Amino acid sequence: MPQKADDAKQGKPFYIYFAQNSPHTPIAPSKEWRGKTDLGAYGDFVAQTDGSVGAVLEALDKNGLSDNTLVIFSTDNGTSRAADIEMLQSKGHYPSADLRGSKADVWDGGHRVPFIARWPGMKATGTESDQLICLSDMIATFAELLSYDMPENAAEDSWSFLPALKVETIKSPRTSVVHHSIYGRFAIRDGDWKLIFAPGLGGWSSPKDIPATAEGLPEIQLYNLSEGIGEKENLYNSHKEKIQSLTAKLENLVSDGRSTPGPTQSNDAEIDIFKTSWNFKKESDY
């Protein structure tokens, strides 16, 4: 960091990708952070993560680099069940808030994550945007920021949200995002609607797909997130046309090999968005 800070003061931009092990497993807060919270080792580990981010921001401030430095903080999935979610909830902490599911699941508790950007020079402090973005969009966003023209066969699912960082309306907002659980179950979100191609969650929480099938649950799930962000009321019986349109949309995305404008890209494997047979397989067969 000292060398990059010196270079930056001379007008040479820098890029840092700071991928922390925390709060991923193994849950191992350092000695100075143990017992800092009332939420056990996982809570301490999250606090340590927060502290390390604070150290980065302090370094930028100390070197006079804060105003013109874009800092983005996010994560790639929801809370792992290794954190002992039930214990956390017993202490009043709900890591997924009102969302259903956690890491590895196809429900939003497994995929919807915090996304915080700090860029004081853009004067966007304290603003929020409710436009849909995906972490894959960071590629196109940085490309636009740097005025870099990407090849047509690169970042096929990346849309720039740079205007949002400048408190402007995103010019080409994405309307949909494709979800994928750890066991390969698909879902597609389009606007307020989300269609899941599985009877359960497709991941580590309950109900899993095979027990869900045994319970007689339908093989697909349809939710209106504006009416129930917790994905609890399956609307598959009352909105058949919506199911058909969302299914067609996902099939088209697979067929095109991309979700952005450009030449069709080939997939490197045969894609089965339904995987109906998986509802009857043993988990060990996945």
Protein backbone atom coordinates (compact mmCIF):
# COMPACT_ATOMS: atom_id res chain seq x y z
CA MET A 1 0.00 0.00 0.00
CA PRO A 2 2.78 2.61 0.79
CA GLN A 3 4.26 2.27 -2.73
CA LYS A 4 0.82 2.46 -4.36
CA ALA A 5 0.00 5.50 -2.25
CA ASP A 6 3.20 7.25 -3.35
CA ASP A 7 2.50 6.39 -7.00
CA ALA A 8 -1.10 7.60 -6.70
CA LYS A 9 0.06 10.95 -5.36
CA GLN A 10 2.10 11.26 -8.57
CA GLY A 11 -1.01 10.65 -10.67
CA LYS A 12 -0.64 6.90 -11.28
CA PRO A 13 -3.97 5.11 -10.59
CA PHE A 14 -4.01 1.87 -8.63
CA TYR A 15 -6.37 -1.09 -8.34
CA ILE A 16 -6.56 -3.37 -5.32
CA TYR A 17 -8.66 -6.53 -5.10
CA PHE A 18 -8.86 -7.29 -1.39
CA ALA A 19 -10.43 -10.76 -1.08
CA GLN A 20 -10.63 -11.69 2.59
CA ASN A 21 -10.91 -15.18 3.99
CA SER A 22 -13.23 -13.80 6.67
CA PRO A 23 -15.98 -14.39 7.43
CA HIS A 24 -15.70 -17.60 5.38
CA THR A 25 -14.88 -20.91 7.02
CA PRO A 26 -12.80 -21.78 8.88
CA ILE A 27 -14.32 -19.36 11.38
CA ALA A 28 -11.15 -18.25 13.12
CA PRO A 29 -11.12 -14.70 14.50
CA SER A 30 -7.67 -13.56 15.58
CA LYS A 31 -6.87 -13.36 19.27
CA GLU A 32 -7.45 -9.62 19.56
CA TRP A 33 -10.99 -9.95 18.14
CA ARG A 34 -12.21 -12.93 20.18
CA GLY A 35 -15.03 -12.01 22.53
CA LYS A 36 -15.62 -8.61 20.90
CA THR A 37 -19.29 -9.46 20.25
CA ASP A 38 -22.08 -11.40 21.94
CA LEU A 39 -22.57 -13.53 18.82
CA GLY A 40 -19.83 -16.08 19.27
CA ALA A 41 -16.87 -16.74 17.00
CA TYR A 42 -18.76 -15.86 13.84
CA GLY A 43 -19.82 -12.49 15.20
CA ASP A 44 -16.23 -11.80 16.21
CA PHE A 45 -15.03 -12.79 12.74
CA VAL A 46 -17.50 -10.40 11.09
CA ALA A 47 -16.35 -7.64 13.44
CA GLN A 48 -12.76 -8.38 12.42
CA THR A 49 -13.79 -8.06 8.78
CA ASP A 50 -15.37 -4.71 9.52
CA GLY A 51 -12.24 -3.60 11.31
CA SER A 52 -9.99 -4.51 8.39
CA VAL A 53 -12.18 -2.52 5.99
CA GLY A 54 -11.94 0.40 8.39
CA ALA A 55 -8.14 0.12 8.27
CA VAL A 56 -8.21 0.38 4.47
CA LEU A 57 -10.40 3.49 4.61
CA GLU A 58 -8.15 5.04 7.25
CA ALA A 59 -5.11 4.41 5.03
CA LEU A 60 -6.79 6.22 2.15
CA ASP A 61 -7.70 9.14 4.40
CA LYS A 62 -4.18 9.30 5.87
CA ASN A 63 -2.66 9.51 2.40
CA GLY A 64 -5.15 12.04 1.07
CA LEU A 65 -6.51 9.61 -1.52
CA SER A 66 -10.11 9.21 -0.37
CA ASP A 67 -11.90 11.73 -2.59
CA ASN A 68 -10.79 10.27 -5.90
CA THR A 69 -10.78 6.59 -4.88
CA LEU A 70 -13.79 4.36 -5.51
CA VAL A 71 -14.14 1.74 -2.78
CA ILE A 72 -16.66 -1.08 -3.22
CA PHE A 73 -17.53 -3.51 -0.42
CA SER A 74 -19.62 -6.60 -1.11
CA THR A 75 -19.70 -10.37 -0.78
CA ASP A 76 -20.42 -13.26 -3.13
CA ASN A 77 -23.12 -15.08 -1.15
CA GLY A 78 -25.28 -15.08 1.94
CA THR A 79 -24.33 -16.32 5.39
CA SER A 80 -23.05 -19.88 5.63
CA ARG A 81 -24.89 -22.36 7.83
CA ALA A 82 -21.50 -23.00 9.43
CA ALA A 83 -22.10 -19.72 11.27
CA ASP A 84 -24.81 -21.51 13.32
CA ILE A 85 -27.66 -19.37 12.05
CA GLU A 86 -30.10 -20.74 14.61
CA MET A 87 -27.81 -19.61 17.44
CA LEU A 88 -27.45 -16.16 15.91
CA GLN A 89 -31.23 -15.85 15.61
CA SER A 90 -31.69 -16.94 19.23
CA LYS A 91 -29.63 -13.91 20.18
CA GLY A 92 -31.74 -11.60 18.05
CA HIS A 93 -29.47 -11.45 15.01
CA TYR A 94 -31.01 -12.52 11.69
CA PRO A 95 -28.16 -12.62 9.14
CA SER A 96 -30.54 -12.96 6.19
CA ALA A 97 -32.98 -10.39 7.64
CA ASP A 98 -36.40 -11.10 6.06
CA LEU A 99 -34.95 -13.18 3.23
CA ARG A 100 -35.40 -16.93 2.98
CA GLY A 101 -32.41 -19.24 2.82
CA SER A 102 -28.67 -18.76 3.19
CA LYS A 103 -25.42 -19.54 1.36
CA ALA A 104 -25.74 -22.23 -1.36
CA ASP A 105 -29.54 -21.86 -1.61
CA VAL A 106 -31.39 -20.54 -4.65
CA TRP A 107 -33.61 -18.33 -2.49
CA ASP A 108 -32.62 -14.70 -2.04
CA GLY A 109 -31.02 -15.31 1.35
CA GLY A 110 -28.30 -17.11 -0.56
CA HIS A 111 -27.76 -14.44 -3.21
CA ARG A 112 -28.92 -10.97 -2.18
CA VAL A 113 -25.96 -9.32 -0.46
CA PRO A 114 -24.81 -5.91 0.81
CA PHE A 115 -23.27 -3.68 -1.83
CA ILE A 116 -21.70 -0.48 -0.52
CA ALA A 117 -19.74 2.02 -2.59
CA ARG A 118 -17.75 5.00 -1.31
CA TRP A 119 -16.57 7.67 -3.72
CA PRO A 120 -16.52 11.06 -1.95
CA GLY A 121 -15.41 12.91 -5.08
CA MET A 122 -18.70 12.00 -6.75
CA LYS A 123 -20.71 13.68 -3.97
CA ALA A 124 -23.00 10.64 -3.70
CA THR A 125 -22.75 10.25 0.07
CA GLY A 126 -25.85 8.76 1.68
CA THR A 127 -27.67 7.98 -1.57
CA GLU A 128 -29.32 4.67 -2.45
CA SER A 129 -30.39 2.97 -5.67
CA ASP A 130 -33.00 0.23 -5.96
CA GLN A 131 -32.00 -0.77 -9.49
CA LEU A 132 -31.12 -4.43 -9.96
CA ILE A 133 -27.41 -5.18 -10.35
CA CYS A 134 -25.23 -8.29 -10.19
CA LEU A 135 -21.58 -8.57 -9.18
CA SER A 136 -20.82 -9.55 -12.79
CA ASP A 137 -21.78 -5.97 -13.69
CA MET A 138 -18.57 -4.68 -12.12
CA ILE A 139 -16.67 -5.72 -15.27
CA ALA A 140 -18.69 -3.48 -17.59
CA THR A 141 -18.80 -0.73 -14.97
CA PHE A 142 -15.02 -0.58 -14.63
CA ALA A 143 -14.64 -0.81 -18.41
CA GLU A 144 -16.86 2.23 -18.86
CA LEU A 145 -15.06 4.06 -16.06
CA LEU A 146 -11.74 3.50 -17.85
CA SER A 147 -13.18 4.09 -21.35
CA TYR A 148 -12.18 0.56 -22.33
CA ASP A 149 -13.98 -1.15 -25.21
CA MET A 150 -14.50 -4.80 -24.35
CA PRO A 151 -14.47 -7.51 -27.04
CA GLU A 152 -17.91 -8.76 -28.09
CA ASN A 153 -17.19 -12.19 -26.61
CA ALA A 154 -16.21 -10.86 -23.17
CA ALA A 155 -18.38 -10.12 -20.11
CA GLU A 156 -21.50 -11.29 -21.93
CA ASP A 157 -23.60 -10.90 -18.78
CA SER A 158 -22.23 -7.60 -17.53
CA TRP A 159 -24.09 -4.27 -17.59
CA SER A 160 -22.53 -1.01 -16.47
CA PHE A 161 -24.06 0.69 -13.44
CA LEU A 162 -21.52 3.53 -13.47
CA PRO A 163 -24.26 6.22 -13.72
CA ALA A 164 -25.69 5.04 -10.39
CA LEU A 165 -22.35 5.77 -8.74
CA LYS A 166 -22.72 9.31 -10.03
CA VAL A 167 -26.31 9.58 -8.73
CA GLU A 168 -27.72 9.26 -12.23
CA THR A 169 -30.20 6.84 -13.78
CA ILE A 170 -28.59 3.73 -15.23
CA LYS A 171 -28.85 4.08 -19.00
CA SER A 172 -29.12 0.38 -19.79
CA PRO A 173 -30.55 -1.18 -16.62
CA ARG A 174 -30.64 -4.94 -16.42
CA THR A 175 -34.14 -6.25 -15.77
CA SER A 176 -33.23 -9.83 -14.96
CA VAL A 177 -30.63 -11.95 -13.23
CA VAL A 178 -30.07 -15.71 -13.35
CA HIS A 179 -29.61 -17.55 -10.04
CA HIS A 180 -27.83 -20.87 -9.55
CA SER A 181 -27.71 -22.91 -6.35
CA ILE A 182 -24.73 -24.95 -5.21
CA TYR A 183 -26.39 -28.09 -6.58
CA GLY A 184 -27.08 -26.48 -9.94
CA ARG A 185 -30.76 -25.54 -9.57
CA PHE A 186 -31.76 -22.59 -11.73
CA ALA A 187 -33.92 -19.55 -11.03
CA ILE A 188 -34.54 -16.33 -12.90
CA ARG A 189 -35.45 -12.96 -11.45
CA ASP A 190 -37.16 -10.49 -13.77
CA GLY A 191 -38.41 -7.25 -12.26
CA ASP A 192 -40.39 -8.18 -9.15
CA TRP A 193 -40.89 -11.78 -10.25
CA LYS A 194 -38.72 -14.78 -9.50
CA LEU A 195 -39.18 -18.26 -10.94
CA ILE A 196 -37.34 -21.19 -9.34
CA PHE A 197 -36.93 -24.48 -11.21
CA ALA A 198 -36.88 -26.69 -8.12
CA PRO A 199 -39.37 -27.88 -5.47
CA GLY A 200 -37.05 -26.91 -2.61
CA LEU A 201 -34.11 -24.59 -2.20
CA GLY A 202 -31.54 -26.50 -4.21
CA GLY A 203 -28.92 -26.04 -1.50
CA TRP A 204 -28.12 -26.67 2.15
CA SER A 205 -31.21 -25.41 3.99
CA SER A 206 -34.61 -27.07 4.29
CA PRO A 207 -36.64 -28.27 2.54
CA LYS A 208 -34.19 -29.88 0.18
CA ASP A 209 -35.46 -30.96 -3.20
CA ILE A 210 -35.97 -34.67 -2.59
CA PRO A 211 -37.89 -34.22 0.72
CA ALA A 212 -39.84 -31.38 -0.92
CA THR A 213 -40.88 -33.74 -3.71
CA ALA A 214 -41.87 -36.37 -1.15
CA GLU A 215 -44.04 -33.76 0.59
CA GLY A 216 -45.87 -33.18 -2.66
CA LEU A 217 -44.56 -29.66 -3.22
CA PRO A 218 -44.70 -28.44 -6.84
CA GLU A 219 -41.62 -28.80 -8.99
CA ILE A 220 -41.42 -25.04 -9.57
CA GLN A 221 -41.80 -21.94 -7.42
CA LEU A 222 -43.02 -18.50 -8.46
CA TYR A 223 -42.79 -15.45 -6.20
CA ASN A 224 -43.63 -11.78 -6.47
CA LEU A 225 -40.86 -10.18 -4.41
CA SER A 226 -42.65 -6.84 -4.18
CA GLU A 227 -45.50 -8.60 -2.34
CA GLY A 228 -43.38 -11.01 -0.30
CA ILE A 229 -39.62 -10.65 -0.17
CA GLY A 230 -39.43 -13.77 1.99
CA GLU A 231 -40.45 -16.08 -0.90
CA LYS A 232 -43.10 -17.83 1.18
CA GLU A 233 -46.23 -17.70 -1.01
CA ASN A 234 -45.75 -19.85 -4.10
CA LEU A 235 -47.93 -18.36 -6.87
CA TYR A 236 -47.34 -21.09 -9.44
CA ASN A 237 -51.05 -22.00 -9.59
CA SER A 238 -52.37 -18.51 -10.28
CA HIS A 239 -49.88 -17.08 -12.76
CA LYS A 240 -49.31 -19.68 -15.48
CA GLU A 241 -48.61 -17.05 -18.14
CA LYS A 242 -45.88 -15.50 -16.00
CA ILE A 243 -44.27 -18.92 -15.58
CA GLN A 244 -44.32 -19.43 -19.33
CA SER A 245 -42.82 -16.02 -20.08
CA LEU A 246 -40.04 -16.35 -17.49
CA THR A 247 -39.23 -19.87 -18.67
CA ALA A 248 -38.99 -18.63 -22.24
CA LYS A 249 -36.76 -15.76 -21.13
CA LEU A 250 -34.31 -18.08 -19.38
CA GLU A 251 -34.32 -20.48 -22.33
CA ASN A 252 -33.53 -17.58 -24.67
CA LEU A 253 -30.66 -16.44 -22.44
CA VAL A 254 -29.22 -19.95 -22.53
CA SER A 255 -29.72 -20.17 -26.28
CA ASP A 256 -28.07 -16.80 -26.88
CA GLY A 257 -25.24 -17.55 -24.48
CA ARG A 258 -25.49 -14.02 -23.12
CA SER A 259 -27.85 -11.43 -21.62
CA THR A 260 -26.32 -8.35 -23.23
CA PRO A 261 -26.54 -7.25 -26.89
CA GLY A 262 -24.01 -8.91 -29.16
CA PRO A 263 -23.32 -12.01 -31.22
CA THR A 264 -24.61 -15.33 -29.92
CA GLN A 265 -22.12 -17.21 -27.77
CA SER A 266 -21.96 -20.99 -27.57
CA ASN A 267 -22.26 -22.81 -24.26
CA ASP A 268 -19.49 -25.21 -23.31
CA ALA A 269 -21.97 -27.81 -22.02
CA GLU A 270 -25.56 -28.88 -22.52
CA ILE A 271 -27.76 -26.78 -20.22
CA ASP A 272 -30.85 -28.30 -18.59
CA ILE A 273 -32.69 -25.57 -16.68
CA PHE A 274 -35.29 -28.00 -15.28
CA LYS A 275 -33.21 -30.93 -13.97
CA THR A 276 -36.46 -32.62 -12.98
CA SER A 277 -34.74 -35.96 -12.37
CA TRP A 278 -32.76 -34.33 -9.56
CA ASN A 279 -35.94 -34.14 -7.49
CA PHE A 280 -35.66 -37.90 -7.03
CA LYS A 281 -31.90 -38.39 -6.81
CA LYS A 282 -30.02 -38.84 -3.60
CA GLU A 283 -27.97 -35.83 -2.54
CA SER A 284 -24.83 -37.95 -2.82
CA ASP A 285 -25.58 -38.42 -6.54
CA TYR A 286 -25.46 -34.70 -7.31
